[in-house]
Amino acid sequence: MAFATPDITPAQIIAVVGAVIGVAVAGGLPISQDLQDAIIRLVTVLAPLLLVSDAVIRHGRATGSASRESGS
């Protein structure tokens, strides 16, 4: 039995939303400088971590699925 993985995951959605917020902040969204800096730092660190963790999970599922299908 193979596990179905979604094409779009919650990690990807969070990363995209964070990136959009980051672009809005960088483009001059009227918020305080401290909040802008915090959001940009969060987006810079969090989005790549979410995408990498999602890739690791997908790789693990694919490897497990391939092992089960080959009978190993």
PDB file of N, CA and C in Angstrom:
ATOM      1  N   MET A   1       0.847  -1.179   0.000  1.00  0.00           N
ATOM      2  CA  MET A   1       0.000   0.000   0.000  1.00  0.00           C
ATOM      3  C   MET A   1       0.892   1.241   0.000  1.00  0.00           C
ATOM      4  N   ALA A   2       0.757   2.080  -0.969  1.00  0.00           N
ATOM      5  CA  ALA A   2       1.569   3.291  -1.072  1.00  0.00           C
ATOM      6  C   ALA A   2       0.864   4.436  -0.366  1.00  0.00           C
ATOM      7  N   PHE A   3       1.666   5.306   0.244  1.00  0.00           N
ATOM      8  CA  PHE A   3       1.132   6.486   0.899  1.00  0.00           C
ATOM      9  C   PHE A   3       1.033   7.607  -0.123  1.00  0.00           C
ATOM     10  N   ALA A   4      -0.111   8.235  -0.177  1.00  0.00           N
ATOM     11  CA  ALA A   4      -0.289   9.369  -1.086  1.00  0.00           C
ATOM     12  C   ALA A   4       0.235  10.628  -0.396  1.00  0.00           C
ATOM     13  N   THR A   5       1.117  11.335  -1.058  1.00  0.00           N
ATOM     14  CA  THR A   5       1.616  12.595  -0.512  1.00  0.00           C
ATOM     15  C   THR A   5       0.967  13.738  -1.269  1.00  0.00           C
ATOM     16  N   PRO A   6       0.552  14.748  -0.548  1.00  0.00           N
ATOM     17  CA  PRO A   6      -0.098  15.874  -1.229  1.00  0.00           C
ATOM     18  C   PRO A   6       0.894  16.653  -2.089  1.00  0.00           C
ATOM     19  N   ASP A   7       0.379  17.261  -3.145  1.00  0.00           N
ATOM     20  CA  ASP A   7       1.237  18.073  -4.000  1.00  0.00           C
ATOM     21  C   ASP A   7       1.664  19.347  -3.285  1.00  0.00           C
ATOM     22  N   ILE A   8       0.756  19.919  -2.504  1.00  0.00           N
ATOM     23  CA  ILE A   8       1.056  21.129  -1.739  1.00  0.00           C
ATOM     24  C   ILE A   8       0.874  20.790  -0.263  1.00  0.00           C
ATOM     25  N   THR A   9       1.920  21.011   0.511  1.00  0.00           N
ATOM     26  CA  THR A   9       1.890  20.658   1.923  1.00  0.00           C
ATOM     27  C   THR A   9       1.728  21.900   2.792  1.00  0.00           C
ATOM     28  N   PRO A  10       1.317  21.709   4.043  1.00  0.00           N
ATOM     29  CA  PRO A  10       1.222  22.851   4.956  1.00  0.00           C
ATOM     30  C   PRO A  10       2.547  23.605   5.097  1.00  0.00           C
ATOM     31  N   ALA A  11       3.660  22.900   5.069  1.00  0.00           N
ATOM     32  CA  ALA A  11       4.967  23.558   5.177  1.00  0.00           C
ATOM     33  C   ALA A  11       5.192  24.497   3.999  1.00  0.00           C
ATOM     34  N   GLN A  12       4.794  24.066   2.811  1.00  0.00           N
ATOM     35  CA  GLN A  12       4.955  24.909   1.626  1.00  0.00           C
ATOM     36  C   GLN A  12       4.055  26.134   1.704  1.00  0.00           C
ATOM     37  N   ILE A  13       2.833  25.961   2.189  1.00  0.00           N
ATOM     38  CA  ILE A  13       1.911  27.090   2.314  1.00  0.00           C
ATOM     39  C   ILE A  13       2.447  28.106   3.306  1.00  0.00           C
ATOM     40  N   ILE A  14       2.924  27.641   4.449  1.00  0.00           N
ATOM     41  CA  ILE A  14       3.479  28.544   5.462  1.00  0.00           C
ATOM     42  C   ILE A  14       4.693  29.282   4.904  1.00  0.00           C
ATOM     43  N   ALA A  15       5.527  28.570   4.166  1.00  0.00           N
ATOM     44  CA  ALA A  15       6.719  29.206   3.597  1.00  0.00           C
ATOM     45  C   ALA A  15       6.334  30.285   2.588  1.00  0.00           C
ATOM     46  N   VAL A  16       5.341  30.007   1.753  1.00  0.00           N
ATOM     47  CA  VAL A  16       4.918  30.989   0.755  1.00  0.00           C
ATOM     48  C   VAL A  16       4.282  32.204   1.430  1.00  0.00           C
ATOM     49  N   VAL A  17       3.420  31.967   2.411  1.00  0.00           N
ATOM     50  CA  VAL A  17       2.797  33.083   3.128  1.00  0.00           C
ATOM     51  C   VAL A  17       3.866  33.927   3.810  1.00  0.00           C
ATOM     52  N   GLY A  18       4.826  33.272   4.425  1.00  0.00           N
ATOM     53  CA  GLY A  18       5.920  34.010   5.058  1.00  0.00           C
ATOM     54  C   GLY A  18       6.722  34.816   4.055  1.00  0.00           C
ATOM     55  N   ALA A  19       6.948  34.232   2.892  1.00  0.00           N
ATOM     56  CA  ALA A  19       7.700  34.953   1.857  1.00  0.00           C
ATOM     57  C   ALA A  19       6.922  36.163   1.362  1.00  0.00           C
ATOM     58  N   VAL A  20       5.617  36.018   1.205  1.00  0.00           N
ATOM     59  CA  VAL A  20       4.785  37.143   0.769  1.00  0.00           C
ATOM     60  C   VAL A  20       4.820  38.256   1.807  1.00  0.00           C
ATOM     61  N   ILE A  21       4.727  37.896   3.072  1.00  0.00           N
ATOM     62  CA  ILE A  21       4.822  38.902   4.137  1.00  0.00           C
ATOM     63  C   ILE A  21       6.191  39.568   4.097  1.00  0.00           C
ATOM     64  N   GLY A  22       7.221  38.771   3.888  1.00  0.00           N
ATOM     65  CA  GLY A  22       8.569  39.325   3.801  1.00  0.00           C
ATOM     66  C   GLY A  22       8.723  40.318   2.667  1.00  0.00           C
ATOM     67  N   VAL A  23       8.138  39.995   1.520  1.00  0.00           N
ATOM     68  CA  VAL A  23       8.193  40.905   0.376  1.00  0.00           C
ATOM     69  C   VAL A  23       7.413  42.184   0.679  1.00  0.00           C
ATOM     70  N   ALA A  24       6.252  42.053   1.308  1.00  0.00           N
ATOM     71  CA  ALA A  24       5.454  43.233   1.656  1.00  0.00           C
ATOM     72  C   ALA A  24       6.207  44.137   2.622  1.00  0.00           C
ATOM     73  N   VAL A  25       6.872  43.517   3.590  1.00  0.00           N
ATOM     74  CA  VAL A  25       7.655  44.297   4.559  1.00  0.00           C
ATOM     75  C   VAL A  25       8.817  44.979   3.858  1.00  0.00           C
ATOM     76  N   ALA A  26       9.509  44.241   3.016  1.00  0.00           N
ATOM     77  CA  ALA A  26      10.643  44.818   2.292  1.00  0.00           C
ATOM     78  C   ALA A  26      10.187  45.926   1.342  1.00  0.00           C
ATOM     79  N   GLY A  27       8.956  45.824   0.843  1.00  0.00           N
ATOM     80  CA  GLY A  27       8.419  46.824  -0.066  1.00  0.00           C
ATOM     81  C   GLY A  27       7.880  48.061   0.608  1.00  0.00           C
ATOM     82  N   GLY A  28       7.902  48.088   1.925  1.00  0.00           N
ATOM     83  CA  GLY A  28       7.498  49.297   2.630  1.00  0.00           C
ATOM     84  C   GLY A  28       6.152  49.233   3.315  1.00  0.00           C
ATOM     85  N   LEU A  29       5.679  48.072   3.680  1.00  0.00           N
ATOM     86  CA  LEU A  29       4.447  47.957   4.447  1.00  0.00           C
ATOM     87  C   LEU A  29       4.573  48.832   5.692  1.00  0.00           C
ATOM     88  N   PRO A  30       3.584  49.672   5.983  1.00  0.00           N
ATOM     89  CA  PRO A  30       3.741  50.632   7.078  1.00  0.00           C
ATOM     90  C   PRO A  30       3.649  50.001   8.477  1.00  0.00           C
ATOM     91  N   ILE A  31       4.736  49.386   8.908  1.00  0.00           N
ATOM     92  CA  ILE A  31       4.835  48.866  10.277  1.00  0.00           C
ATOM     93  C   ILE A  31       6.165  49.336  10.843  1.00  0.00           C
ATOM     94  N   SER A  32       6.326  49.151  12.148  1.00  0.00           N
ATOM     95  CA  SER A  32       7.541  49.652  12.797  1.00  0.00           C
ATOM     96  C   SER A  32       8.785  48.948  12.258  1.00  0.00           C
ATOM     97  N   GLN A  33       9.907  49.620  12.364  1.00  0.00           N
ATOM     98  CA  GLN A  33      11.168  49.068  11.866  1.00  0.00           C
ATOM     99  C   GLN A  33      11.546  47.795  12.618  1.00  0.00           C
ATOM    100  N   ASP A  34      11.301  47.775  13.933  1.00  0.00           N
ATOM    101  CA  ASP A  34      11.617  46.578  14.718  1.00  0.00           C
ATOM    102  C   ASP A  34      10.796  45.381  14.251  1.00  0.00           C
ATOM    103  N   LEU A  35       9.506  45.608  13.996  1.00  0.00           N
ATOM    104  CA  LEU A  35       8.648  44.524  13.529  1.00  0.00           C
ATOM    105  C   LEU A  35       9.057  44.082  12.121  1.00  0.00           C
ATOM    106  N   GLN A  36       9.416  45.018  11.269  1.00  0.00           N
ATOM    107  CA  GLN A  36       9.899  44.671   9.929  1.00  0.00           C
ATOM    108  C   GLN A  36      11.134  43.780  10.010  1.00  0.00           C
ATOM    109  N   ASP A  37      12.082  44.175  10.843  1.00  0.00           N
ATOM    110  CA  ASP A  37      13.310  43.382  10.988  1.00  0.00           C
ATOM    111  C   ASP A  37      13.010  41.985  11.512  1.00  0.00           C
ATOM    112  N   ALA A  38      12.110  41.898  12.475  1.00  0.00           N
ATOM    113  CA  ALA A  38      11.760  40.593  13.045  1.00  0.00           C
ATOM    114  C   ALA A  38      11.096  39.706  12.001  1.00  0.00           C
ATOM    115  N   ILE A  39      10.190  40.264  11.208  1.00  0.00           N
ATOM    116  CA  ILE A  39       9.503  39.475  10.182  1.00  0.00           C
ATOM    117  C   ILE A  39      10.481  39.018   9.110  1.00  0.00           C
ATOM    118  N   ILE A  40      11.351  39.905   8.686  1.00  0.00           N
ATOM    119  CA  ILE A  40      12.327  39.525   7.662  1.00  0.00           C
ATOM    120  C   ILE A  40      13.251  38.422   8.176  1.00  0.00           C
ATOM    121  N   ARG A  41      13.705  38.532   9.412  1.00  0.00           N
ATOM    122  CA  ARG A  41      14.545  37.468   9.988  1.00  0.00           C
ATOM    123  C   ARG A  41      13.791  36.147  10.063  1.00  0.00           C
ATOM    124  N   LEU A  42      12.544  36.208  10.508  1.00  0.00           N
ATOM    125  CA  LEU A  42      11.736  35.003  10.631  1.00  0.00           C
ATOM    126  C   LEU A  42      11.544  34.338   9.275  1.00  0.00           C
ATOM    127  N   VAL A  43      11.206  35.131   8.270  1.00  0.00           N
ATOM    128  CA  VAL A  43      10.996  34.587   6.923  1.00  0.00           C
ATOM    129  C   VAL A  43      12.290  34.015   6.362  1.00  0.00           C
ATOM    130  N   THR A  44      13.383  34.705   6.591  1.00  0.00           N
ATOM    131  CA  THR A  44      14.675  34.267   6.066  1.00  0.00           C
ATOM    132  C   THR A  44      15.097  32.926   6.655  1.00  0.00           C
ATOM    133  N   VAL A  45      14.770  32.691   7.918  1.00  0.00           N
ATOM    134  CA  VAL A  45      15.175  31.457   8.583  1.00  0.00           C
ATOM    135  C   VAL A  45      14.097  30.385   8.488  1.00  0.00           C
ATOM    136  N   LEU A  46      12.848  30.757   8.714  1.00  0.00           N
ATOM    137  CA  LEU A  46      11.787  29.767   8.828  1.00  0.00           C
ATOM    138  C   LEU A  46      11.403  29.120   7.501  1.00  0.00           C
ATOM    139  N   ALA A  47      11.263  29.892   6.447  1.00  0.00           N
ATOM    140  CA  ALA A  47      10.827  29.324   5.167  1.00  0.00           C
ATOM    141  C   ALA A  47      11.766  28.225   4.664  1.00  0.00           C
ATOM    142  N   PRO A  48      13.078  28.468   4.627  1.00  0.00           N
ATOM    143  CA  PRO A  48      13.960  27.379   4.177  1.00  0.00           C
ATOM    144  C   PRO A  48      13.909  26.148   5.098  1.00  0.00           C
ATOM    145  N   LEU A  49      13.799  26.357   6.399  1.00  0.00           N
ATOM    146  CA  LEU A  49      13.716  25.222   7.321  1.00  0.00           C
ATOM    147  C   LEU A  49      12.462  24.395   7.064  1.00  0.00           C
ATOM    148  N   LEU A  50      11.337  25.071   6.831  1.00  0.00           N
ATOM    149  CA  LEU A  50      10.102  24.351   6.561  1.00  0.00           C
ATOM    150  C   LEU A  50      10.195  23.556   5.263  1.00  0.00           C
ATOM    151  N   LEU A  51      10.753  24.165   4.242  1.00  0.00           N
ATOM    152  CA  LEU A  51      10.859  23.470   2.962  1.00  0.00           C
ATOM    153  C   LEU A  51      11.828  22.296   3.026  1.00  0.00           C
ATOM    154  N   VAL A  52      12.925  22.453   3.736  1.00  0.00           N
ATOM    155  CA  VAL A  52      13.879  21.350   3.883  1.00  0.00           C
ATOM    156  C   VAL A  52      13.255  20.214   4.696  1.00  0.00           C
ATOM    157  N   SER A  53      12.570  20.554   5.789  1.00  0.00           N
ATOM    158  CA  SER A  53      11.938  19.501   6.588  1.00  0.00           C
ATOM    159  C   SER A  53      10.873  18.772   5.777  1.00  0.00           C
ATOM    160  N   ASP A  54      10.128  19.502   4.949  1.00  0.00           N
ATOM    161  CA  ASP A  54       9.137  18.882   4.085  1.00  0.00           C
ATOM    162  C   ASP A  54       9.812  17.936   3.092  1.00  0.00           C
ATOM    163  N   ALA A  55      10.929  18.360   2.524  1.00  0.00           N
ATOM    164  CA  ALA A  55      11.656  17.509   1.578  1.00  0.00           C
ATOM    165  C   ALA A  55      12.181  16.241   2.253  1.00  0.00           C
ATOM    166  N   VAL A  56      12.652  16.376   3.480  1.00  0.00           N
ATOM    167  CA  VAL A  56      13.146  15.207   4.213  1.00  0.00           C
ATOM    168  C   VAL A  56      12.007  14.220   4.462  1.00  0.00           C
ATOM    169  N   ILE A  57      10.852  14.731   4.861  1.00  0.00           N
ATOM    170  CA  ILE A  57       9.703  13.858   5.099  1.00  0.00           C
ATOM    171  C   ILE A  57       9.278  13.167   3.812  1.00  0.00           C
ATOM    172  N   ARG A  58       9.200  13.925   2.710  1.00  0.00           N
ATOM    173  CA  ARG A  58       8.821  13.323   1.429  1.00  0.00           C
ATOM    174  C   ARG A  58       9.823  12.255   0.996  1.00  0.00           C
ATOM    175  N   HIS A  59      11.120  12.536   1.192  1.00  0.00           N
ATOM    176  CA  HIS A  59      12.141  11.561   0.828  1.00  0.00           C
ATOM    177  C   HIS A  59      11.983  10.283   1.651  1.00  0.00           C
ATOM    178  N   GLY A  60      11.753  10.458   2.942  1.00  0.00           N
ATOM    179  CA  GLY A  60      11.554   9.289   3.797  1.00  0.00           C
ATOM    180  C   GLY A  60      10.361   8.461   3.380  1.00  0.00           C
ATOM    181  N   ARG A  61       9.267   9.127   3.048  1.00  0.00           N
ATOM    182  CA  ARG A  61       8.074   8.406   2.592  1.00  0.00           C
ATOM    183  C   ARG A  61       8.329   7.693   1.276  1.00  0.00           C
ATOM    184  N   ALA A  62       9.006   8.354   0.356  1.00  0.00           N
ATOM    185  CA  ALA A  62       9.282   7.740  -0.946  1.00  0.00           C
ATOM    186  C   ALA A  62      10.202   6.536  -0.791  1.00  0.00           C
ATOM    187  N   THR A  63      11.210   6.667   0.058  1.00  0.00           N
ATOM    188  CA  THR A  63      12.135   5.562   0.295  1.00  0.00           C
ATOM    189  C   THR A  63      11.405   4.382   0.937  1.00  0.00           C
ATOM    190  N   GLY A  64      10.565   4.677   1.919  1.00  0.00           N
ATOM    191  CA  GLY A  64       9.799   3.619   2.573  1.00  0.00           C
ATOM    192  C   GLY A  64       8.834   2.941   1.616  1.00  0.00           C
ATOM    193  N   SER A  65       8.199   3.739   0.793  1.00  0.00           N
ATOM    194  CA  SER A  65       7.265   3.193  -0.178  1.00  0.00           C
ATOM    195  C   SER A  65       7.984   2.305  -1.195  1.00  0.00           C
ATOM    196  N   ALA A  66       9.147   2.757  -1.649  1.00  0.00           N
ATOM    197  CA  ALA A  66       9.923   1.965  -2.609  1.00  0.00           C
ATOM    198  C   ALA A  66      10.381   0.660  -1.986  1.00  0.00           C
ATOM    199  N   SER A  67      10.729   0.688  -0.703  1.00  0.00           N
ATOM    200  CA  SER A  67      11.169  -0.534  -0.018  1.00  0.00           C
ATOM    201  C   SER A  67      10.022  -1.531   0.078  1.00  0.00           C
ATOM    202  N   ARG A  68       8.832  -1.033   0.398  1.00  0.00           N
ATOM    203  CA  ARG A  68       7.687  -1.918   0.525  1.00  0.00           C
ATOM    204  C   ARG A  68       7.274  -2.515  -0.816  1.00  0.00           C
ATOM    205  N   GLU A  69       7.384  -1.712  -1.893  1.00  0.00           N
ATOM    206  CA  GLU A  69       6.990  -2.187  -3.210  1.00  0.00           C
ATOM    207  C   GLU A  69       7.974  -3.222  -3.759  1.00  0.00           C
ATOM    208  N   SER A  70       9.241  -3.076  -3.399  1.00  0.00           N
ATOM    209  CA  SER A  70      10.233  -4.030  -3.914  1.00  0.00           C
ATOM    210  C   SER A  70      10.276  -5.311  -3.072  1.00  0.00           C
ATOM    211  N   GLY A  71       9.589  -5.298  -1.949  1.00  0.00           N
ATOM    212  CA  GLY A  71       9.544  -6.478  -1.120  1.00  0.00           C
ATOM    213  C   GLY A  71      10.721  -6.624  -0.184  1.00  0.00           C
ATOM    214  N   SER A  72      11.489  -5.580   0.006  1.00  0.00           N
ATOM    215  CA  SER A  72      12.662  -5.636   0.891  1.00  0.00           C
ATOM    216  C   SER A  72      12.268  -5.541   2.325  1.00  0.00           C
TER     217      SER A  72
END
